[in-house]
C-alpha atoms as a PDB file:
ATOM      1  CA  MET A   1     -50.680 -35.073  10.900  1.00  0.00           C
ATOM      2  CA  THR A   2     -53.743 -37.243  10.380  1.00  0.00           C
ATOM      3  CA  GLY A   3     -55.705 -37.964   7.235  1.00  0.00           C
ATOM      4  CA  SER A   4     -59.384 -37.266   6.723  1.00  0.00           C
ATOM      5  CA  SER A   5     -62.512 -39.209   5.894  1.00  0.00           C
ATOM      6  CA  GLY A   6     -63.679 -36.614   3.373  1.00  0.00           C
ATOM      7  CA  SER A   7     -67.229 -36.965   4.730  1.00  0.00           C
ATOM      8  CA  ILE A   8     -69.717 -34.167   5.277  1.00  0.00           C
ATOM      9  CA  PHE A   9     -70.599 -35.958   8.533  1.00  0.00           C
ATOM     10  CA  SER A  10     -67.145 -35.179   9.944  1.00  0.00           C
ATOM     11  CA  PRO A  11     -67.028 -31.356   9.709  1.00  0.00           C
ATOM     12  CA  VAL A  12     -63.873 -29.651  10.952  1.00  0.00           C
ATOM     13  CA  SER A  13     -64.850 -26.009  10.420  1.00  0.00           C
ATOM     14  CA  PRO A  14     -67.716 -23.710  11.424  1.00  0.00           C
ATOM     15  CA  HIS A  15     -68.751 -23.361   7.768  1.00  0.00           C
ATOM     16  CA  ALA A  16     -69.053 -27.112   7.206  1.00  0.00           C
ATOM     17  CA  GLN A  17     -70.559 -27.628  10.672  1.00  0.00           C
ATOM     18  CA  ALA A  18     -73.441 -25.274   9.837  1.00  0.00           C
ATOM     19  CA  ILE A  19     -74.253 -27.276   6.691  1.00  0.00           C
ATOM     20  CA  THR A  20     -74.031 -30.617   8.519  1.00  0.00           C
ATOM     21  CA  ASP A  21     -76.272 -29.375  11.351  1.00  0.00           C
ATOM     22  CA  LEU A  22     -78.906 -28.228   8.859  1.00  0.00           C
ATOM     23  CA  PHE A  23     -78.781 -31.585   7.075  1.00  0.00           C
ATOM     24  CA  VAL A  24     -79.094 -33.606  10.302  1.00  0.00           C
ATOM     25  CA  ILE A  25     -82.000 -31.512  11.635  1.00  0.00           C
ATOM     26  CA  SER A  26     -83.800 -31.725   8.275  1.00  0.00           C
ATOM     27  CA  LEU A  27     -83.191 -35.481   8.189  1.00  0.00           C
ATOM     28  CA  TRP A  28     -84.728 -35.961  11.640  1.00  0.00           C
ATOM     29  CA  ILE A  29     -87.750 -33.820  10.766  1.00  0.00           C
ATOM     30  CA  CYS A  30     -88.295 -35.812   7.569  1.00  0.00           C
ATOM     31  CA  ALA A  31     -87.801 -39.084   9.475  1.00  0.00           C
ATOM     32  CA  VAL A  32     -90.486 -38.132  11.995  1.00  0.00           C
ATOM     33  CA  ILE A  33     -92.886 -37.132   9.190  1.00  0.00           C
ATOM     34  CA  PHE A  34     -92.170 -40.389   7.361  1.00  0.00           C
ATOM     35  CA  ALA A  35     -92.720 -42.445  10.527  1.00  0.00           C
ATOM     36  CA  ILE A  36     -96.064 -40.731  11.237  1.00  0.00           C
ATOM     37  CA  VAL A  37     -97.335 -41.050   7.652  1.00  0.00           C
ATOM     38  CA  ALA A  38     -96.100 -44.641   7.236  1.00  0.00           C
ATOM     39  CA  GLY A  39     -97.566 -45.552  10.617  1.00  0.00           C
ATOM     40  CA  LEU A  40    -100.981 -44.088   9.767  1.00  0.00           C
ATOM     41  CA  VAL A  41    -100.971 -45.817   6.387  1.00  0.00           C
ATOM     42  CA  GLY A  42    -100.029 -49.130   8.028  1.00  0.00           C
ATOM     43  CA  TYR A  43    -102.684 -48.703  10.696  1.00  0.00           C
ATOM     44  CA  SER A  44    -105.335 -47.872   8.083  1.00  0.00           C
ATOM     45  CA  LEU A  45    -104.385 -50.867   5.958  1.00  0.00           C
ATOM     46  CA  PHE A  46    -104.754 -53.171   8.951  1.00  0.00           C
ATOM     47  CA  ARG A  47    -107.725 -51.540  10.676  1.00  0.00           C
ATOM     48  CA  TYR A  48    -109.830 -51.025   7.573  1.00  0.00           C
ATOM     49  CA  ARG A  49    -108.739 -54.022   5.522  1.00  0.00           C
ATOM     50  CA  TRP A  50    -111.390 -55.759   3.503  1.00  0.00           C
ATOM     51  CA  ARG A  51    -113.352 -58.557   5.196  1.00  0.00           C
ATOM     52  CA  GLU A  52    -115.909 -60.880   3.718  1.00  0.00           C
ATOM     53  CA  GLY A  53    -119.382 -59.500   4.238  1.00  0.00           C
ATOM     54  CA  THR A  54    -118.415 -56.055   5.570  1.00  0.00           C
ATOM     55  CA  PRO A  55    -120.079 -53.024   3.967  1.00  0.00           C
ATOM     56  CA  GLU A  56    -118.255 -50.233   2.165  1.00  0.00           C
ATOM     57  CA  PRO A  57    -116.683 -47.718   4.572  1.00  0.00           C
ATOM     58  CA  GLU A  58    -118.566 -44.513   5.232  1.00  0.00           C
ATOM     59  CA  GLN A  59    -117.591 -41.717   2.835  1.00  0.00           C
ATOM     60  CA  THR A  60    -116.728 -38.348   4.385  1.00  0.00           C
ATOM     61  CA  ALA A  61    -117.223 -35.222   2.236  1.00  0.00           C
ATOM     62  CA  GLY A  62    -114.963 -32.984   4.286  1.00  0.00           C
ATOM     63  CA  HIS A  63    -113.476 -32.337   7.716  1.00  0.00           C
ATOM     64  CA  LYS A  64    -112.746 -28.671   8.279  1.00  0.00           C
ATOM     65  CA  LYS A  65    -110.707 -28.998  11.486  1.00  0.00           C
ATOM     66  CA  LEU A  66    -108.606 -31.845  10.091  1.00  0.00           C
ATOM     67  CA  GLU A  67    -107.906 -29.927   6.895  1.00  0.00           C
ATOM     68  CA  ILE A  68    -106.819 -26.860   8.892  1.00  0.00           C
ATOM     69  CA  VAL A  69    -104.491 -29.008  11.009  1.00  0.00           C
ATOM     70  CA  TRP A  70    -102.780 -30.728   8.051  1.00  0.00           C
ATOM     71  CA  THR A  71    -102.330 -27.349   6.375  1.00  0.00           C
ATOM     72  CA  VAL A  72    -100.984 -25.440   9.387  1.00  0.00           C
ATOM     73  CA  ILE A  73     -98.531 -28.122  10.563  1.00  0.00           C
ATOM     74  CA  PRO A  74     -96.683 -28.432   7.186  1.00  0.00           C
ATOM     75  CA  PHE A  75     -96.624 -24.627   6.941  1.00  0.00           C
ATOM     76  CA  LEU A  76     -94.968 -24.372  10.365  1.00  0.00           C
ATOM     77  CA  ILE A  77     -92.462 -27.091   9.421  1.00  0.00           C
ATOM     78  CA  VAL A  78     -91.546 -25.259   6.199  1.00  0.00           C
ATOM     79  CA  LEU A  79     -91.235 -22.007   8.165  1.00  0.00           C
ATOM     80  CA  LEU A  80     -88.899 -23.725  10.645  1.00  0.00           C
ATOM     81  CA  LEU A  81     -86.753 -25.187   7.843  1.00  0.00           C
ATOM     82  CA  PHE A  82     -86.600 -21.780   6.165  1.00  0.00           C
ATOM     83  CA  GLY A  83     -85.314 -20.167   9.359  1.00  0.00           C
ATOM     84  CA  LEU A  84     -82.733 -22.927   9.890  1.00  0.00           C
ATOM     85  CA  THR A  85     -81.600 -22.583   6.263  1.00  0.00           C
ATOM     86  CA  VAL A  86     -81.129 -18.817   6.562  1.00  0.00           C
ATOM     87  CA  ARG A  87     -79.078 -19.333   9.734  1.00  0.00           C
ATOM     88  CA  ALA A  88     -76.934 -21.992   8.039  1.00  0.00           C
ATOM     89  CA  MET A  89     -76.364 -19.697   5.046  1.00  0.00           C
ATOM     90  CA  GLN A  90     -75.195 -16.902   7.330  1.00  0.00           C
ATOM     91  CA  HIS A  91     -72.679 -19.212   9.031  1.00  0.00           C
ATOM     92  CA  SER A  92     -71.446 -21.064   5.934  1.00  0.00           C
ATOM     93  CA  ASP A  93     -71.394 -18.142   3.501  1.00  0.00           C
ATOM     94  CA  PRO A  94     -70.461 -14.835   5.144  1.00  0.00           C
ATOM     95  CA  PRO A  95     -69.719 -12.025   2.674  1.00  0.00           C
ATOM     96  CA  PRO A  96     -66.115 -11.528   1.484  1.00  0.00           C
ATOM     97  CA  SER A  97     -64.064  -8.866   3.215  1.00  0.00           C
ATOM     98  CA  GLY A  98     -61.136  -7.105   1.569  1.00  0.00           C
ATOM     99  CA  ASN A  99     -58.681  -8.843  -0.737  1.00  0.00           C
ATOM    100  CA  PRO A 100     -58.702 -12.662  -0.893  1.00  0.00           C
ATOM    101  CA  ASP A 101     -56.044 -14.758   0.818  1.00  0.00           C
ATOM    102  CA  LEU A 102     -55.969 -17.221  -2.096  1.00  0.00           C
ATOM    103  CA  ILE A 103     -57.091 -17.327  -5.715  1.00  0.00           C
ATOM    104  CA  VAL A 104     -57.942 -20.836  -6.919  1.00  0.00           C
ATOM    105  CA  VAL A 105     -58.363 -21.368 -10.657  1.00  0.00           C
ATOM    106  CA  GLY A 106     -59.925 -24.482 -12.158  1.00  0.00           C
ATOM    107  CA  HIS A 107     -58.347 -25.994 -15.290  1.00  0.00           C
ATOM    108  CA  GLN A 108     -59.109 -29.191 -17.181  1.00  0.00           C
ATOM    109  CA  TRP A 109     -58.121 -31.129 -15.027  1.00  0.00           C
ATOM    110  CA  TRP A 110     -56.145 -29.585 -12.196  1.00  0.00           C
ATOM    111  CA  TRP A 111     -56.243 -26.691  -9.737  1.00  0.00           C
ATOM    112  CA  GLU A 112     -53.998 -23.639  -9.803  1.00  0.00           C
ATOM    113  CA  VAL A 113     -53.477 -22.029  -6.387  1.00  0.00           C
ATOM    114  CA  ARG A 114     -52.243 -18.429  -6.263  1.00  0.00           C
ATOM    115  CA  ASP A 115     -51.240 -16.624  -3.103  1.00  0.00           C
ATOM    116  CA  PRO A 116     -51.382 -12.912  -4.040  1.00  0.00           C
ATOM    117  CA  LYS A 117     -50.307 -11.704  -0.590  1.00  0.00           C
ATOM    118  CA  ASN A 118     -47.164 -13.849  -0.401  1.00  0.00           C
ATOM    119  CA  GLY A 119     -46.412 -13.867  -4.130  1.00  0.00           C
ATOM    120  CA  PHE A 120     -46.213 -17.513  -5.179  1.00  0.00           C
ATOM    121  CA  VAL A 121     -48.179 -20.081  -7.194  1.00  0.00           C
ATOM    122  CA  THR A 122     -48.608 -23.808  -6.600  1.00  0.00           C
ATOM    123  CA  ALA A 123     -50.962 -26.541  -7.789  1.00  0.00           C
ATOM    124  CA  ASN A 124     -53.395 -29.114  -6.385  1.00  0.00           C
ATOM    125  CA  GLU A 125     -52.264 -28.586  -2.795  1.00  0.00           C
ATOM    126  CA  ILE A 126     -53.548 -25.843  -0.517  1.00  0.00           C
ATOM    127  CA  HIS A 127     -51.863 -25.125   2.808  1.00  0.00           C
ATOM    128  CA  ILE A 128     -53.718 -23.155   5.470  1.00  0.00           C
ATOM    129  CA  PRO A 129     -53.065 -22.290   9.143  1.00  0.00           C
ATOM    130  CA  VAL A 130     -55.315 -23.997  11.678  1.00  0.00           C
ATOM    131  CA  GLY A 131     -58.100 -21.902  13.196  1.00  0.00           C
ATOM    132  CA  ARG A 132     -58.025 -19.017  10.722  1.00  0.00           C
ATOM    133  CA  PRO A 133     -60.770 -18.347   8.147  1.00  0.00           C
ATOM    134  CA  ILE A 134     -59.305 -18.171   4.652  1.00  0.00           C
ATOM    135  CA  SER A 135     -60.933 -16.030   1.970  1.00  0.00           C
ATOM    136  CA  ILE A 136     -60.758 -17.782  -1.427  1.00  0.00           C
ATOM    137  CA  GLU A 137     -61.582 -16.231  -4.786  1.00  0.00           C
ATOM    138  CA  LEU A 138     -62.554 -18.799  -7.427  1.00  0.00           C
ATOM    139  CA  ASP A 139     -62.060 -18.605 -11.187  1.00  0.00           C
ATOM    140  CA  ALA A 140     -61.774 -20.972 -14.166  1.00  0.00           C
ATOM    141  CA  THR A 141     -60.014 -20.876 -17.528  1.00  0.00           C
ATOM    142  CA  ASP A 142     -62.128 -23.228 -19.647  1.00  0.00           C
ATOM    143  CA  VAL A 143     -65.422 -24.724 -18.407  1.00  0.00           C
ATOM    144  CA  LEU A 144     -67.462 -24.761 -15.210  1.00  0.00           C
ATOM    145  CA  HIS A 145     -65.821 -26.569 -12.301  1.00  0.00           C
ATOM    146  CA  GLU A 146     -67.024 -27.012  -8.716  1.00  0.00           C
ATOM    147  CA  PHE A 147     -64.673 -26.409  -5.777  1.00  0.00           C
ATOM    148  CA  TRP A 148     -65.574 -28.508  -2.728  1.00  0.00           C
ATOM    149  CA  VAL A 149     -63.833 -29.641   0.448  1.00  0.00           C
ATOM    150  CA  PRO A 150     -66.656 -31.481   2.278  1.00  0.00           C
ATOM    151  CA  GLN A 151     -65.139 -31.237   5.763  1.00  0.00           C
ATOM    152  CA  LEU A 152     -64.114 -27.586   5.489  1.00  0.00           C
ATOM    153  CA  THR A 153     -66.446 -25.595   3.258  1.00  0.00           C
ATOM    154  CA  ARG A 154     -69.441 -25.589   0.970  1.00  0.00           C
ATOM    155  CA  LYS A 155     -69.538 -26.196  -2.776  1.00  0.00           C
ATOM    156  CA  MET A 156     -68.953 -23.273  -5.115  1.00  0.00           C
ATOM    157  CA  THR A 157     -68.886 -23.170  -8.904  1.00  0.00           C
ATOM    158  CA  THR A 158     -65.875 -21.695 -10.690  1.00  0.00           C
ATOM    159  CA  VAL A 159     -67.058 -19.738 -13.735  1.00  0.00           C
ATOM    160  CA  PRO A 160     -64.663 -18.492 -16.457  1.00  0.00           C
ATOM    161  CA  GLY A 161     -64.495 -14.699 -16.252  1.00  0.00           C
ATOM    162  CA  ALA A 162     -66.960 -14.400 -13.354  1.00  0.00           C
ATOM    163  CA  ARG A 163     -65.203 -14.859 -10.036  1.00  0.00           C
ATOM    164  CA  ASN A 164     -66.970 -16.393  -7.041  1.00  0.00           C
ATOM    165  CA  HIS A 165     -65.993 -16.476  -3.390  1.00  0.00           C
ATOM    166  CA  VAL A 166     -65.923 -19.021  -0.580  1.00  0.00           C
ATOM    167  CA  TRP A 167     -64.591 -19.116   2.986  1.00  0.00           C
ATOM    168  CA  MET A 168     -62.605 -22.077   4.276  1.00  0.00           C
ATOM    169  CA  GLN A 169     -61.315 -22.928   7.745  1.00  0.00           C
ATOM    170  CA  ALA A 170     -59.879 -25.966   9.525  1.00  0.00           C
ATOM    171  CA  ASP A 171     -60.118 -26.229  13.298  1.00  0.00           C
ATOM    172  CA  LYS A 172     -57.800 -29.266  13.517  1.00  0.00           C
ATOM    173  CA  PRO A 173     -54.526 -30.114  11.767  1.00  0.00           C
ATOM    174  CA  GLY A 174     -54.866 -32.690   9.019  1.00  0.00           C
ATOM    175  CA  VAL A 175     -54.989 -33.402   5.310  1.00  0.00           C
ATOM    176  CA  TYR A 176     -58.464 -32.874   3.861  1.00  0.00           C
ATOM    177  CA  GLU A 177     -59.618 -34.116   0.471  1.00  0.00           C
ATOM    178  CA  GLY A 178     -61.102 -31.721  -2.074  1.00  0.00           C
ATOM    179  CA  VAL A 179     -62.803 -32.477  -5.384  1.00  0.00           C
ATOM    180  CA  CYS A 180     -64.415 -30.973  -8.427  1.00  0.00           C
ATOM    181  CA  SER A 181     -68.066 -31.899  -7.946  1.00  0.00           C
ATOM    182  CA  GLU A 182     -69.441 -30.747 -11.327  1.00  0.00           C
ATOM    183  CA  PHE A 183     -68.790 -32.823 -14.438  1.00  0.00           C
ATOM    184  CA  CYS A 184     -66.213 -30.976 -16.521  1.00  0.00           C
ATOM    185  CA  GLY A 185     -64.905 -33.486 -19.051  1.00  0.00           C
ATOM    186  CA  THR A 186     -62.984 -36.726 -19.479  1.00  0.00           C
ATOM    187  CA  GLN A 187     -60.916 -36.577 -16.284  1.00  0.00           C
ATOM    188  CA  HIS A 188     -63.463 -34.888 -14.022  1.00  0.00           C
ATOM    189  CA  ALA A 189     -63.144 -37.765 -11.530  1.00  0.00           C
ATOM    190  CA  TRP A 190     -59.406 -37.081 -11.209  1.00  0.00           C
ATOM    191  CA  MET A 191     -59.588 -33.351 -10.654  1.00  0.00           C
ATOM    192  CA  ARG A 192     -58.782 -33.593  -6.983  1.00  0.00           C
ATOM    193  CA  PHE A 193     -56.712 -31.625  -4.516  1.00  0.00           C
ATOM    194  CA  GLN A 194     -55.662 -31.667  -0.880  1.00  0.00           C
ATOM    195  CA  VAL A 195     -55.935 -29.059   1.847  1.00  0.00           C
ATOM    196  CA  VAL A 196     -53.143 -29.315   4.409  1.00  0.00           C
ATOM    197  CA  ALA A 197     -54.070 -27.613   7.681  1.00  0.00           C
ATOM    198  CA  GLU A 198     -51.084 -27.048   9.943  1.00  0.00           C
ATOM    199  CA  SER A 199     -49.945 -24.961  12.889  1.00  0.00           C
ATOM    200  CA  PRO A 200     -49.245 -21.267  12.238  1.00  0.00           C
ATOM    201  CA  GLU A 201     -45.514 -21.942  12.663  1.00  0.00           C
ATOM    202  CA  ASP A 202     -45.454 -24.818  10.169  1.00  0.00           C
ATOM    203  CA  TYR A 203     -47.603 -22.811   7.763  1.00  0.00           C
ATOM    204  CA  ALA A 204     -45.242 -19.818   7.955  1.00  0.00           C
ATOM    205  CA  ALA A 205     -42.279 -22.104   7.231  1.00  0.00           C
ATOM    206  CA  TRP A 206     -44.098 -23.607   4.241  1.00  0.00           C
ATOM    207  CA  VAL A 207     -44.859 -20.110   2.873  1.00  0.00           C
ATOM    208  CA  ARG A 208     -41.208 -19.079   3.167  1.00  0.00           C
ATOM    209  CA  HIS A 209     -40.196 -22.214   1.276  1.00  0.00           C
ATOM    210  CA  GLN A 210     -42.744 -21.541  -1.483  1.00  0.00           C
ATOM    211  CA  GLN A 211     -41.461 -17.990  -1.877  1.00  0.00           C
ATOM    212  CA  SER A 212     -37.948 -19.229  -2.617  1.00  0.00           C
ATOM    213  CA  ALA A 213     -36.791 -19.918  -6.175  1.00  0.00           C
ATOM    214  CA  ALA A 214     -35.727 -23.340  -7.387  1.00  0.00           C
ATOM    215  CA  ARG A 215     -32.144 -24.157  -6.436  1.00  0.00           C
ATOM    216  CA  PRO A 216     -29.561 -24.369  -9.262  1.00  0.00           C
ATOM    217  CA  PRO A 217     -29.296 -27.982 -10.485  1.00  0.00           C
ATOM    218  CA  ALA A 218     -26.088 -29.911 -11.103  1.00  0.00           C
ATOM    219  CA  GLY A 219     -25.072 -33.070 -12.968  1.00  0.00           C
ATOM    220  CA  ALA A 220     -27.952 -35.062 -14.413  1.00  0.00           C
ATOM    221  CA  ALA A 221     -30.392 -32.491 -13.001  1.00  0.00           C
ATOM    222  CA  ALA A 222     -28.656 -29.741 -15.002  1.00  0.00           C
ATOM    223  CA  ARG A 223     -29.001 -31.808 -18.170  1.00  0.00           C
ATOM    224  CA  GLY A 224     -32.667 -32.306 -17.291  1.00  0.00           C
ATOM    225  CA  GLN A 225     -33.094 -28.564 -16.881  1.00  0.00           C
ATOM    226  CA  ARG A 226     -31.667 -27.955 -20.368  1.00  0.00           C
ATOM    227  CA  LEU A 227     -33.999 -30.632 -21.737  1.00  0.00           C
ATOM    228  CA  PHE A 228     -36.921 -28.998 -19.926  1.00  0.00           C
ATOM    229  CA  ARG A 229     -36.098 -25.661 -21.582  1.00  0.00           C
ATOM    230  CA  ASP A 230     -35.202 -26.985 -25.039  1.00  0.00           C
ATOM    231  CA  MET A 231     -38.368 -29.021 -25.396  1.00  0.00           C
ATOM    232  CA  THR A 232     -41.847 -27.500 -25.130  1.00  0.00           C
ATOM    233  CA  CYS A 233     -42.153 -28.043 -21.346  1.00  0.00           C
ATOM    234  CA  VAL A 234     -41.604 -24.344 -20.644  1.00  0.00           C
ATOM    235  CA  ASN A 235     -44.507 -23.428 -22.911  1.00  0.00           C
ATOM    236  CA  CYS A 236     -46.919 -24.838 -20.324  1.00  0.00           C
ATOM    237  CA  HIS A 237     -45.063 -25.111 -17.006  1.00  0.00           C
ATOM    238  CA  THR A 238     -43.353 -22.524 -14.840  1.00  0.00           C
ATOM    239  CA  VAL A 239     -40.284 -23.077 -12.682  1.00  0.00           C
ATOM    240  CA  ARG A 240     -39.397 -19.988 -10.687  1.00  0.00           C
ATOM    241  CA  ASP A 241     -35.869 -19.673 -12.024  1.00  0.00           C
ATOM    242  CA  SER A 242     -36.881 -17.665 -15.078  1.00  0.00           C
ATOM    243  CA  ASP A 243     -39.162 -14.801 -16.081  1.00  0.00           C
ATOM    244  CA  ARG A 244     -41.566 -17.022 -18.003  1.00  0.00           C
ATOM    245  CA  ALA A 245     -45.049 -17.270 -16.539  1.00  0.00           C
ATOM    246  CA  PRO A 246     -47.225 -19.685 -18.526  1.00  0.00           C
ATOM    247  CA  ASN A 247     -50.182 -21.265 -16.769  1.00  0.00           C
ATOM    248  CA  ALA A 248     -51.428 -23.907 -19.220  1.00  0.00           C
ATOM    249  CA  GLY A 249     -49.911 -26.488 -16.882  1.00  0.00           C
ATOM    250  CA  PRO A 250     -49.135 -26.549 -13.147  1.00  0.00           C
ATOM    251  CA  ASP A 251     -46.290 -24.496 -11.668  1.00  0.00           C
ATOM    252  CA  LEU A 252     -43.462 -26.967 -10.930  1.00  0.00           C
ATOM    253  CA  THR A 253     -41.178 -24.804  -8.766  1.00  0.00           C
ATOM    254  CA  HIS A 254     -41.483 -27.080  -5.709  1.00  0.00           C
ATOM    255  CA  LEU A 255     -42.893 -30.184  -7.371  1.00  0.00           C
ATOM    256  CA  ALA A 256     -40.717 -32.614  -5.385  1.00  0.00           C
ATOM    257  CA  THR A 257     -42.330 -31.548  -2.085  1.00  0.00           C
ATOM    258  CA  ARG A 258     -45.916 -32.183  -3.224  1.00  0.00           C
ATOM    259  CA  ARG A 259     -47.824 -35.215  -2.090  1.00  0.00           C
ATOM    260  CA  GLN A 260     -49.477 -36.120  -5.393  1.00  0.00           C
ATOM    261  CA  ILE A 261     -49.134 -35.777  -9.146  1.00  0.00           C
ATOM    262  CA  GLY A 262     -51.794 -35.656 -11.853  1.00  0.00           C
ATOM    263  CA  SER A 263     -54.238 -33.845  -9.546  1.00  0.00           C
ATOM    264  CA  GLY A 264     -54.477 -36.766  -7.171  1.00  0.00           C
ATOM    265  CA  ILE A 265     -54.257 -39.694  -9.565  1.00  0.00           C
ATOM    266  CA  LEU A 266     -50.886 -40.939  -8.191  1.00  0.00           C
ATOM    267  CA  PRO A 267     -48.719 -40.425  -5.090  1.00  0.00           C
ATOM    268  CA  ASN A 268     -45.644 -38.331  -5.878  1.00  0.00           C
ATOM    269  CA  THR A 269     -42.958 -41.035  -5.938  1.00  0.00           C
ATOM    270  CA  PRO A 270     -39.967 -41.431  -8.314  1.00  0.00           C
ATOM    271  CA  GLU A 271     -41.586 -44.508  -9.871  1.00  0.00           C
ATOM    272  CA  ASN A 272     -44.909 -42.787 -10.467  1.00  0.00           C
ATOM    273  CA  LEU A 273     -43.320 -39.600 -11.808  1.00  0.00           C
ATOM    274  CA  ARG A 274     -41.274 -41.644 -14.285  1.00  0.00           C
ATOM    275  CA  ARG A 275     -44.425 -43.465 -15.341  1.00  0.00           C
ATOM    276  CA  TRP A 276     -46.150 -40.112 -15.858  1.00  0.00           C
ATOM    277  CA  LEU A 277     -43.304 -38.696 -17.944  1.00  0.00           C
ATOM    278  CA  SER A 278     -43.124 -41.883 -20.027  1.00  0.00           C
ATOM    279  CA  ASP A 279     -46.764 -41.682 -21.112  1.00  0.00           C
ATOM    280  CA  PRO A 280     -49.166 -39.234 -19.444  1.00  0.00           C
ATOM    281  CA  GLN A 281     -52.037 -40.450 -21.620  1.00  0.00           C
ATOM    282  CA  GLN A 282     -51.685 -43.965 -20.262  1.00  0.00           C
ATOM    283  CA  VAL A 283     -51.872 -42.700 -16.679  1.00  0.00           C
ATOM    284  CA  LYS A 284     -54.603 -40.102 -17.215  1.00  0.00           C
ATOM    285  CA  PRO A 285     -56.334 -40.495 -20.607  1.00  0.00           C
ATOM    286  CA  GLY A 286     -57.394 -37.176 -22.118  1.00  0.00           C
ATOM    287  CA  VAL A 287     -54.928 -35.095 -20.095  1.00  0.00           C
ATOM    288  CA  LYS A 288     -53.598 -32.064 -21.976  1.00  0.00           C
ATOM    289  CA  MET A 289     -49.955 -33.172 -21.648  1.00  0.00           C
ATOM    290  CA  PRO A 290     -48.847 -35.181 -24.727  1.00  0.00           C
ATOM    291  CA  ASN A 291     -46.549 -38.187 -24.872  1.00  0.00           C
ATOM    292  CA  PHE A 292     -43.098 -36.870 -25.837  1.00  0.00           C
ATOM    293  CA  LYS A 293     -41.716 -40.394 -26.369  1.00  0.00           C
ATOM    294  CA  LEU A 294     -38.664 -39.672 -24.237  1.00  0.00           C
ATOM    295  CA  THR A 295     -35.672 -41.993 -24.310  1.00  0.00           C
ATOM    296  CA  ASP A 296     -34.477 -43.702 -21.119  1.00  0.00           C
ATOM    297  CA  GLU A 297     -31.577 -41.258 -20.886  1.00  0.00           C
ATOM    298  CA  GLN A 298     -33.883 -38.276 -21.285  1.00  0.00           C
ATOM    299  CA  LEU A 299     -36.219 -39.716 -18.668  1.00  0.00           C
ATOM    300  CA  ASP A 300     -33.331 -40.126 -16.217  1.00  0.00           C
ATOM    301  CA  ASP A 301     -32.164 -36.532 -16.696  1.00  0.00           C
ATOM    302  CA  LEU A 302     -35.620 -35.001 -16.596  1.00  0.00           C
ATOM    303  CA  LEU A 303     -36.539 -37.032 -13.526  1.00  0.00           C
ATOM    304  CA  ALA A 304     -33.335 -35.901 -11.777  1.00  0.00           C
ATOM    305  CA  TYR A 305     -34.220 -32.270 -12.528  1.00  0.00           C
ATOM    306  CA  LEU A 306     -37.809 -32.535 -11.325  1.00  0.00           C
ATOM    307  CA  HIS A 307     -36.694 -34.268  -8.124  1.00  0.00           C
ATOM    308  CA  SER A 308     -34.314 -31.385  -7.472  1.00  0.00           C
ATOM    309  CA  LEU A 309     -37.293 -28.982  -7.332  1.00  0.00           C
ATOM    310  CA  GLU A 310     -37.798 -29.195  -3.590  1.00  0.00           C
END
């Protein structure tokens, strides 16, 4: 599975392709206009430059035909751009149909991903099958955020209490970068996520895995689970081995299988997870998770438990 450039100039879906096509056509039209205007200005500067002894140029009060031409041509260009924009809107933003496939909720500073049809919740990582349009309902819990995957879909604001909608599709397998593109606080720059587009078979296997509960831990992992429950971790995080359902922090049921932690700030490795647990504020200043000042033994047990959540 390949990575992605994250560029709007490398669209991998019909929705993103429509936006890119509109941008490129508009850019060429503007480039031609700029070349004509700059060329005429350059020609005028050279042709009518001041020379010693030459009289003042003749003053023209008006030129009806010329004025009609430079009014009609811009009008036709604007009309063309309007038509192209309407077409791009129809392709990039078709109306929602039926119930959404996913509900994505923006938090400061991470993304909650709910799958209402398959009955599970994850965070900061969206899996989709290749070649199928996915209907996504967008919400937020605190402030305005902006959901955007440049190669797959358009931007859309997430508004607390007022749900929006966007379609997303990937025509090739890969890992595509998504961001929050509207300033939302201290860690706005690290409110990122990934979209993993995979074959229908791989996607179905991933869904089945997400639907399963966390396996019972043993040894150090069992001690870490008790620590997780005895401290305030369960007040913010969910692990699908209990009936608790908080959402102040990401669902951790299958944390060990995720590619990143901290909404993209670090790769999900044992070293980075230990660093995060030791002092989240040092890794991501302003994050809502406090520093619990865990001992080395507590860190070992908690790390063993979190790594068992596959």
